Amino acid sequence: MVNKQYDAAILGCGVLGLTIAQELTQKGLKVALVGKDLPEDIHSTGFASPWAGASFHSFATNSAEQRRDTHTFKEFERLAREIPELCERRPYRYFRREKDVGEDPWWADLMFDYRHLKTSEIPAPFAQGVTFEAYTLNTPLYLQHLGNWLRSHNVPIIRERVSSLNEMYDLPSIGKVNLVINASGLGARSLIGVEDSLVHPAKGQTILVEAPDVKTCMGVEGKHPIPNQSVYIIPRPGPANHVILGGCYIKDDWSTNINKDVADQILKDCYEVCPDLDNKNGKGGIEDIKIVSHNVGLRPAREGGLRCELEHRFIGDNEKNALLPAKGKGNGGKRKVGVVHAYGIGGAGYQSSLGIAKEVSGLVDQWLEGDGKGNRKAKL
């Protein structure tokens, strides 16, 4: 018999959906998760979460984004202490070719031991550099950790594909709910009832390598001479000695095919920054890098950034949209429902995840306290 007492149903089992589910469960709410890709599907290209680096290198541009990243950073401190194979504090070094680097970023005071590198610490051909300590995640293991935690707290994670937002309010596997959390990522572009044309993919390509001697995150700041290309090196926590090399950011590219030219450039750029990738103390060459896999993920980006807001809406059997599946038209009469949207984070999903979950939790409180009454819209 289906339990009909869920406070909310969450659409999307990427890092945002899972983190939101954990946040709401910890505060005593009863939720269920639905997605076509689940946390254990670490080889699926259907969602971006398994393919992220993931380092903590904020590119927040406004106070809301900075608030989310700051909250997540502080929470990662606890995670690194409790489960170091998932999250590890480590040194970072970022270089620039330009001599004039301008002002320090907003997050300089947030990081541990942020400072400018001495000239003797900067390898050729770079002119400037900074160092600090922050966190990295083992993203496939972290997704499975979140999934296991939720299941151990009796949160169902259901594999189901839905084509309309309305379907989420009365799924046979969950029962009737009046609140949905829309963490559908790229799916928000085509999900009937949302159809957000601002949502678009930002293709990323990386290479997973084995490099036991590489324990420092590295990267190159500033504009790359090749459009859409960037340089970053992210050692993953855990005993496998895996390191992520990247990368690229190609807007509106839906292809999940490996681009050989991009891969060649990644190897060239990363080896220039970190010769120790060759496992021969820098005395070998690019050909000595031990490649584990080539990876492609589609970041769920959105023009204008994350959509995080509470929307009041109506569903019911008077629905006129001919495109809606029968189960999305409702069979219990017209009723007022709510949806908290949480999608469009692009490449900042992990480093913003806990901050976003906190904001979503506040919007859920607003819905529950108001019992869905009124037609106001609250936006963060």
Protein backbone atom coordinates (compact mmCIF):
# COMPACT_ATOMS: atom_id res chain seq x y z
CA MET A 1 0.00 0.00 0.00
CA VAL A 2 1.36 3.42 -0.97
CA ASN A 3 2.06 5.75 1.93
CA LYS A 4 0.25 9.05 1.32
CA GLN A 5 1.94 11.06 4.05
CA TYR A 6 4.95 12.57 2.30
CA ASP A 7 5.58 16.25 2.95
CA ALA A 8 7.24 16.65 -0.45
CA ALA A 9 8.38 14.76 -3.53
CA ILE A 10 11.75 15.67 -5.03
CA LEU A 11 12.34 15.40 -8.78
CA GLY A 12 15.99 14.80 -9.62
CA CYS A 13 18.61 12.57 -8.01
CA GLY A 14 21.71 14.60 -8.80
CA VAL A 15 23.74 16.23 -6.06
CA LEU A 16 21.15 18.98 -5.52
CA GLY A 17 18.17 16.64 -5.24
CA LEU A 18 20.02 14.31 -2.87
CA THR A 19 21.37 17.12 -0.71
CA ILE A 20 17.96 18.78 -0.47
CA ALA A 21 16.44 15.45 0.53
CA GLN A 22 19.03 15.03 3.27
CA GLU A 23 18.46 18.57 4.56
CA LEU A 24 14.69 18.12 4.72
CA THR A 25 14.96 14.67 6.31
CA GLN A 26 17.30 15.99 9.00
CA LYS A 27 14.71 18.57 10.00
CA GLY A 28 12.05 15.87 10.37
CA LEU A 29 10.18 16.06 7.07
CA LYS A 30 9.16 12.99 5.14
CA VAL A 31 10.24 13.10 1.49
CA ALA A 32 10.60 10.81 -1.52
CA LEU A 33 12.99 11.14 -4.47
CA VAL A 34 12.22 10.42 -8.12
CA GLY A 35 14.66 10.37 -11.03
CA LYS A 36 15.51 8.55 -14.21
CA ASP A 37 19.15 8.42 -13.03
CA LEU A 38 19.92 7.32 -9.47
CA PRO A 39 22.98 7.94 -7.26
CA GLU A 40 24.50 4.57 -8.11
CA ASP A 41 24.39 5.29 -11.86
CA ILE A 42 27.91 6.71 -11.79
CA HIS A 43 28.56 5.88 -15.46
CA SER A 44 25.41 7.54 -16.77
CA THR A 45 25.70 10.63 -18.95
CA GLY A 46 22.05 11.36 -18.21
CA PHE A 47 23.05 13.72 -15.42
CA ALA A 48 26.16 15.74 -14.65
CA SER A 49 26.79 14.89 -11.00
CA PRO A 50 29.01 11.78 -11.43
CA TRP A 51 31.40 13.60 -13.75
CA ALA A 52 32.30 16.64 -11.66
CA GLY A 53 35.84 17.21 -10.30
CA ALA A 54 34.94 18.45 -7.73
CA SER A 55 37.19 21.11 -6.27
CA PHE A 56 36.19 24.12 -4.21
CA HIS A 57 37.03 27.09 -6.39
CA SER A 58 34.18 29.57 -6.19
CA PHE A 59 33.14 31.70 -9.14
CA ALA A 60 30.22 33.30 -7.29
CA THR A 61 29.40 36.74 -8.66
CA ASN A 62 26.69 37.98 -6.29
CA SER A 63 25.83 37.89 -2.60
CA ALA A 64 23.36 34.99 -2.91
CA GLU A 65 25.93 32.79 -4.66
CA GLN A 66 28.61 33.78 -2.16
CA ARG A 67 26.28 32.91 0.72
CA ARG A 68 25.62 29.44 -0.70
CA ASP A 69 29.29 28.72 -1.31
CA THR A 70 30.30 29.97 2.13
CA HIS A 71 27.76 27.76 3.89
CA THR A 72 28.82 24.71 1.85
CA PHE A 73 32.51 25.35 2.51
CA LYS A 74 31.95 25.42 6.26
CA GLU A 75 29.88 22.23 6.12
CA PHE A 76 32.62 20.48 4.12
CA GLU A 77 34.93 21.04 7.08
CA ARG A 78 32.77 18.68 9.13
CA LEU A 79 32.50 16.15 6.29
CA ALA A 80 36.27 16.09 5.76
CA ARG A 81 36.76 15.41 9.45
CA GLU A 82 34.16 12.63 9.62
CA ILE A 83 34.60 10.90 6.23
CA PRO A 84 38.00 11.82 4.70
CA GLU A 85 37.66 9.33 1.84
CA LEU A 86 34.77 11.46 0.54
CA CYS A 87 36.03 14.96 1.28
CA GLU A 88 39.61 16.02 1.91
CA ARG A 89 41.30 19.30 2.73
CA ARG A 90 44.35 19.82 0.56
CA PRO A 91 46.62 22.54 -0.86
CA TYR A 92 45.70 24.47 -4.01
CA ARG A 93 47.92 26.39 -6.40
CA TYR A 94 46.59 28.59 -9.18
CA PHE A 95 48.82 30.34 -11.69
CA ARG A 96 48.49 33.20 -14.17
CA ARG A 97 50.51 34.11 -17.22
CA GLU A 98 49.76 37.81 -16.73
CA LYS A 99 51.83 39.87 -14.30
CA ASP A 100 48.97 42.09 -13.11
CA VAL A 101 46.39 39.95 -11.32
CA GLY A 102 44.26 42.74 -9.85
CA GLU A 103 42.45 42.42 -6.53
CA ASP A 104 42.14 39.20 -4.58
CA PRO A 105 38.83 37.32 -5.07
CA TRP A 106 36.02 37.58 -2.53
CA TRP A 107 36.71 34.08 -1.24
CA ALA A 108 40.34 34.76 -0.30
CA ASP A 109 39.39 35.24 3.37
CA LEU A 110 37.22 32.11 3.34
CA MET A 111 40.03 29.76 2.29
CA PHE A 112 42.69 28.51 4.65
CA ASP A 113 46.12 30.22 4.47
CA TYR A 114 45.50 32.19 1.29
CA ARG A 115 48.65 33.98 0.05
CA HIS A 116 50.46 35.01 -3.10
CA LEU A 117 53.24 32.70 -4.20
CA LYS A 118 56.84 33.84 -4.12
CA THR A 119 58.65 34.12 -7.44
CA SER A 120 60.69 31.02 -6.55
CA GLU A 121 57.46 29.02 -6.16
CA ILE A 122 56.06 29.87 -9.60
CA PRO A 123 57.03 27.56 -12.47
CA ALA A 124 57.73 28.84 -15.97
CA PRO A 125 56.01 30.15 -18.04
CA PHE A 126 53.72 31.64 -15.37
CA ALA A 127 54.16 35.09 -13.85
CA GLN A 128 51.88 35.04 -10.83
CA GLY A 129 50.25 32.54 -8.51
CA VAL A 130 48.33 32.06 -5.29
CA THR A 131 48.05 29.19 -2.85
CA PHE A 132 45.51 28.23 -0.21
CA GLU A 133 43.86 25.16 1.26
CA ALA A 134 40.33 24.00 0.51
CA TYR A 135 38.40 20.80 -0.13
CA THR A 136 37.98 18.26 -2.89
CA LEU A 137 35.30 15.58 -3.20
CA ASN A 138 35.23 12.08 -4.59
CA THR A 139 32.01 12.73 -6.48
CA PRO A 140 30.92 9.18 -7.42
CA LEU A 141 31.44 8.00 -3.84
CA TYR A 142 29.79 11.12 -2.44
CA LEU A 143 26.65 10.53 -4.53
CA GLN A 144 26.46 6.95 -3.30
CA HIS A 145 27.07 8.11 0.26
CA LEU A 146 24.12 10.49 0.04
CA GLY A 147 21.96 7.77 -1.49
CA ASN A 148 22.90 5.28 1.22
CA TRP A 149 22.26 7.83 3.95
CA LEU A 150 18.80 8.60 2.59
CA ARG A 151 17.86 4.95 2.22
CA SER A 152 19.06 4.23 5.76
CA HIS A 153 16.66 6.95 6.90
CA ASN A 154 13.78 5.35 5.01
CA VAL A 155 13.72 7.84 2.14
CA PRO A 156 12.60 6.07 -1.04
CA ILE A 157 14.66 6.75 -4.17
CA ILE A 158 12.50 5.73 -7.10
CA ARG A 159 13.58 5.26 -10.70
CA GLU A 160 10.86 6.78 -12.82
CA ARG A 161 10.76 9.09 -15.80
CA VAL A 162 8.19 11.85 -15.75
CA SER A 163 7.47 14.22 -18.61
CA SER A 164 5.38 16.80 -16.76
CA LEU A 165 5.60 18.55 -13.42
CA ASN A 166 1.94 17.74 -12.73
CA GLU A 167 2.68 14.01 -12.64
CA MET A 168 4.80 14.48 -9.52
CA TYR A 169 1.79 15.41 -7.40
CA ASP A 170 0.11 12.02 -7.70
CA LEU A 171 2.62 9.33 -8.66
CA PRO A 172 1.37 5.80 -7.92
CA SER A 173 4.73 4.98 -6.33
CA ILE A 174 4.47 7.86 -3.86
CA GLY A 175 0.86 8.90 -3.54
CA LYS A 176 -0.65 12.35 -3.42
CA VAL A 177 1.59 15.26 -2.39
CA ASN A 178 1.00 18.99 -2.45
CA LEU A 179 4.63 20.10 -2.66
CA VAL A 180 7.29 19.20 -5.23
CA ILE A 181 10.96 20.16 -5.25
CA ASN A 182 12.04 20.60 -8.86
CA ALA A 183 15.75 19.72 -8.97
CA SER A 184 15.53 18.37 -12.50
CA GLY A 185 18.64 20.07 -13.89
CA LEU A 186 18.68 20.08 -17.68
CA GLY A 187 15.30 18.37 -17.57
CA ALA A 188 13.73 21.70 -16.60
CA ARG A 189 14.10 22.80 -20.21
CA SER A 190 11.65 20.19 -21.51
CA LEU A 191 9.59 19.33 -18.41
CA ILE A 192 5.98 20.19 -19.25
CA GLY A 193 4.79 22.81 -16.82
CA VAL A 194 8.27 24.34 -16.50
CA GLU A 195 9.77 24.46 -20.01
CA ASP A 196 12.46 26.94 -19.05
CA SER A 197 14.13 28.11 -22.27
CA LEU A 198 16.92 29.72 -20.24
CA VAL A 199 18.25 26.26 -19.33
CA HIS A 200 21.08 24.95 -21.51
CA PRO A 201 23.91 22.42 -21.36
CA ALA A 202 27.51 23.44 -20.79
CA LYS A 203 29.57 20.50 -21.97
CA GLY A 204 32.55 19.53 -19.90
CA GLN A 205 35.28 17.07 -20.82
CA THR A 206 37.84 15.65 -18.43
CA ILE A 207 40.38 12.85 -18.14
CA LEU A 208 40.66 10.63 -15.08
CA VAL A 209 44.25 9.54 -14.46
CA GLU A 210 46.20 7.64 -11.84
CA ALA A 211 48.90 9.81 -10.28
CA PRO A 212 50.01 8.86 -6.74
CA ASP A 213 52.48 11.75 -6.51
CA VAL A 214 49.91 14.49 -7.20
CA LYS A 215 48.29 15.71 -3.98
CA THR A 216 47.83 19.41 -4.78
CA CYS A 217 44.98 20.96 -6.75
CA MET A 218 46.33 23.14 -9.53
CA GLY A 219 44.97 25.32 -12.27
CA VAL A 220 45.55 28.27 -14.56
CA GLU A 221 43.52 31.45 -14.17
CA GLY A 222 42.81 33.89 -16.96
CA LYS A 223 41.66 33.46 -20.52
CA HIS A 224 42.86 30.38 -22.36
CA PRO A 225 44.15 30.99 -25.90
CA ILE A 226 41.71 28.35 -27.15
CA PRO A 227 38.04 29.34 -26.74
CA ASN A 228 36.10 27.33 -24.13
CA GLN A 229 39.24 25.59 -22.83
CA SER A 230 40.51 25.77 -19.24
CA VAL A 231 43.15 24.09 -17.08
CA TYR A 232 42.59 22.36 -13.74
CA ILE A 233 44.02 19.39 -11.86
CA ILE A 234 41.97 17.90 -9.02
CA PRO A 235 43.24 14.98 -6.93
CA ARG A 236 40.33 12.94 -5.62
CA PRO A 237 40.13 11.68 -2.04
CA GLY A 238 40.38 7.95 -1.52
CA PRO A 239 42.97 5.20 -1.96
CA ALA A 240 42.81 4.93 -5.77
CA ASN A 241 45.19 7.89 -6.36
CA HIS A 242 42.85 9.26 -9.00
CA VAL A 243 43.22 12.77 -10.39
CA ILE A 244 40.80 14.67 -12.63
CA LEU A 245 42.33 16.70 -15.48
CA GLY A 246 40.28 19.32 -17.28
CA GLY A 247 38.78 20.80 -19.08
CA CYS A 248 36.32 22.75 -21.22
CA TYR A 249 33.04 24.66 -20.96
CA ILE A 250 31.07 24.57 -24.21
CA LYS A 251 27.66 26.18 -24.08
CA ASP A 252 24.71 24.57 -25.92
CA ASP A 253 26.64 21.44 -26.88
CA TRP A 254 24.46 18.40 -26.17
CA SER A 255 26.98 15.86 -27.46
CA THR A 256 28.47 13.39 -25.00
CA ASN A 257 31.11 12.25 -27.49
CA ILE A 258 34.80 12.57 -26.60
CA ASN A 259 36.59 15.26 -28.59
CA LYS A 260 40.15 14.06 -29.24
CA ASP A 261 41.51 17.57 -29.81
CA VAL A 262 40.12 18.71 -26.46
CA ALA A 263 41.60 15.65 -24.75
CA ASP A 264 45.02 16.26 -26.31
CA GLN A 265 44.94 19.88 -25.17
CA ILE A 266 43.95 18.88 -21.63
CA LEU A 267 46.94 16.55 -21.36
CA LYS A 268 49.31 19.17 -22.78
CA ASP A 269 48.08 21.96 -20.52
CA CYS A 270 47.97 19.91 -17.35
CA TYR A 271 51.39 18.39 -17.88
CA GLU A 272 52.83 21.88 -18.32
CA VAL A 273 51.46 22.84 -14.91
CA CYS A 274 52.23 19.53 -13.18
CA PRO A 275 54.96 17.30 -14.69
CA ASP A 276 54.53 14.88 -11.76
CA LEU A 277 51.48 13.54 -13.59
CA ASP A 278 53.88 11.26 -15.51
CA ASN A 279 54.56 9.17 -12.35
CA LYS A 280 58.29 9.61 -13.04
CA ASN A 281 58.97 12.73 -10.99
CA GLY A 282 58.52 14.85 -14.09
CA LYS A 283 61.30 13.09 -15.98
CA GLY A 284 59.03 11.23 -18.37
CA GLY A 285 56.48 12.75 -20.71
CA ILE A 286 52.82 13.07 -21.54
CA GLU A 287 52.85 9.56 -22.92
CA ASP A 288 53.65 8.26 -19.42
CA ILE A 289 50.44 9.64 -17.89
CA LYS A 290 48.30 6.67 -16.84
CA ILE A 291 44.83 7.36 -18.24
CA VAL A 292 41.94 5.62 -16.51
CA SER A 293 39.08 7.09 -18.54
CA HIS A 294 37.89 9.96 -20.71
CA ASN A 295 34.73 11.61 -19.43
CA VAL A 296 32.02 13.96 -20.65
CA GLY A 297 29.29 15.59 -18.59
CA LEU A 298 26.65 18.19 -19.41
CA ARG A 299 26.51 20.88 -16.74
CA PRO A 300 22.89 22.01 -16.10
CA ALA A 301 23.40 25.73 -16.72
CA ARG A 302 20.88 28.56 -16.97
CA GLU A 303 20.99 32.12 -18.22
CA GLY A 304 20.78 34.30 -15.13
CA GLY A 305 21.96 31.49 -12.88
CA LEU A 306 20.17 29.27 -10.40
CA ARG A 307 16.41 29.40 -10.17
CA CYS A 308 15.52 29.02 -6.49
CA GLU A 309 11.95 30.07 -5.74
CA LEU A 310 8.61 28.95 -4.41
CA GLU A 311 5.77 28.93 -6.91
CA HIS A 312 2.08 28.47 -6.09
CA ARG A 313 0.06 26.71 -8.79
CA PHE A 314 -3.13 24.76 -9.43
CA ILE A 315 -3.64 21.29 -10.84
CA GLY A 316 -6.83 19.35 -11.39
CA ASP A 317 -9.12 17.43 -13.68
CA ASN A 318 -10.04 20.57 -15.61
CA GLU A 319 -6.56 20.70 -17.07
CA LYS A 320 -6.79 21.70 -20.74
CA ASN A 321 -3.21 20.97 -21.84
CA ALA A 322 -3.53 18.22 -24.44
CA LEU A 323 0.16 17.36 -24.08
CA LEU A 324 -0.19 16.26 -20.47
CA PRO A 325 -0.10 12.51 -19.81
CA ALA A 326 -3.31 11.20 -18.24
CA LYS A 327 -1.64 10.80 -14.84
CA GLY A 328 -0.66 14.47 -14.93
CA LYS A 329 -4.21 15.77 -15.35
CA GLY A 330 -5.35 14.85 -11.87
CA ASN A 331 -8.31 12.81 -10.78
CA GLY A 332 -9.25 14.47 -7.50
CA GLY A 333 -10.52 17.83 -8.63
CA LYS A 334 -8.75 21.14 -8.77
CA ARG A 335 -6.31 21.77 -5.93
CA LYS A 336 -3.68 24.27 -4.95
CA VAL A 337 -0.12 22.93 -4.86
CA GLY A 338 3.40 24.29 -4.57
CA VAL A 339 6.74 23.76 -6.25
CA VAL A 340 10.14 24.87 -5.06
CA HIS A 341 12.40 25.22 -8.07
CA ALA A 342 16.09 24.47 -7.56
CA TYR A 343 17.84 24.08 -10.91
CA GLY A 344 20.27 25.83 -13.23
CA ILE A 345 23.39 25.78 -11.04
CA GLY A 346 25.77 24.96 -13.91
CA GLY A 347 29.22 23.90 -12.76
CA ALA A 348 28.81 24.99 -9.13
CA GLY A 349 26.56 22.16 -7.99
CA TYR A 350 28.81 20.59 -5.38
CA GLN A 351 30.38 23.72 -3.95
CA SER A 352 26.93 25.33 -3.60
CA SER A 353 24.89 22.23 -2.77
CA LEU A 354 24.51 22.56 0.99
CA GLY A 355 23.85 26.28 0.77
CA ILE A 356 21.14 25.73 -1.83
CA ALA A 357 19.59 22.97 0.27
CA LYS A 358 19.41 25.38 3.21
CA GLU A 359 17.61 27.98 1.07
CA VAL A 360 15.21 25.39 -0.29
CA SER A 361 14.49 24.29 3.26
CA GLY A 362 13.48 27.84 4.13
CA LEU A 363 11.10 27.97 1.16
CA VAL A 364 9.62 24.61 2.16
CA ASP A 365 9.00 26.03 5.64
CA GLN A 366 7.23 28.97 4.08
CA TRP A 367 4.97 26.66 2.10
CA LEU A 368 4.18 24.43 5.06
CA GLU A 369 3.55 27.33 7.43
CA GLY A 370 1.21 28.96 4.93
CA ASP A 371 -0.35 25.61 3.99
CA GLY A 372 -0.09 26.63 0.36
CA LYS A 373 -2.45 29.58 0.77
CA GLY A 374 -2.21 32.73 -1.32
CA ASN A 375 -0.73 33.43 -4.70
CA ARG A 376 2.46 35.15 -3.64
CA LYS A 377 5.85 34.06 -4.96
CA ALA A 378 8.98 34.09 -2.79
CA LYS A 379 12.32 34.25 -4.50
CA LEU A 380 15.87 33.93 -3.25
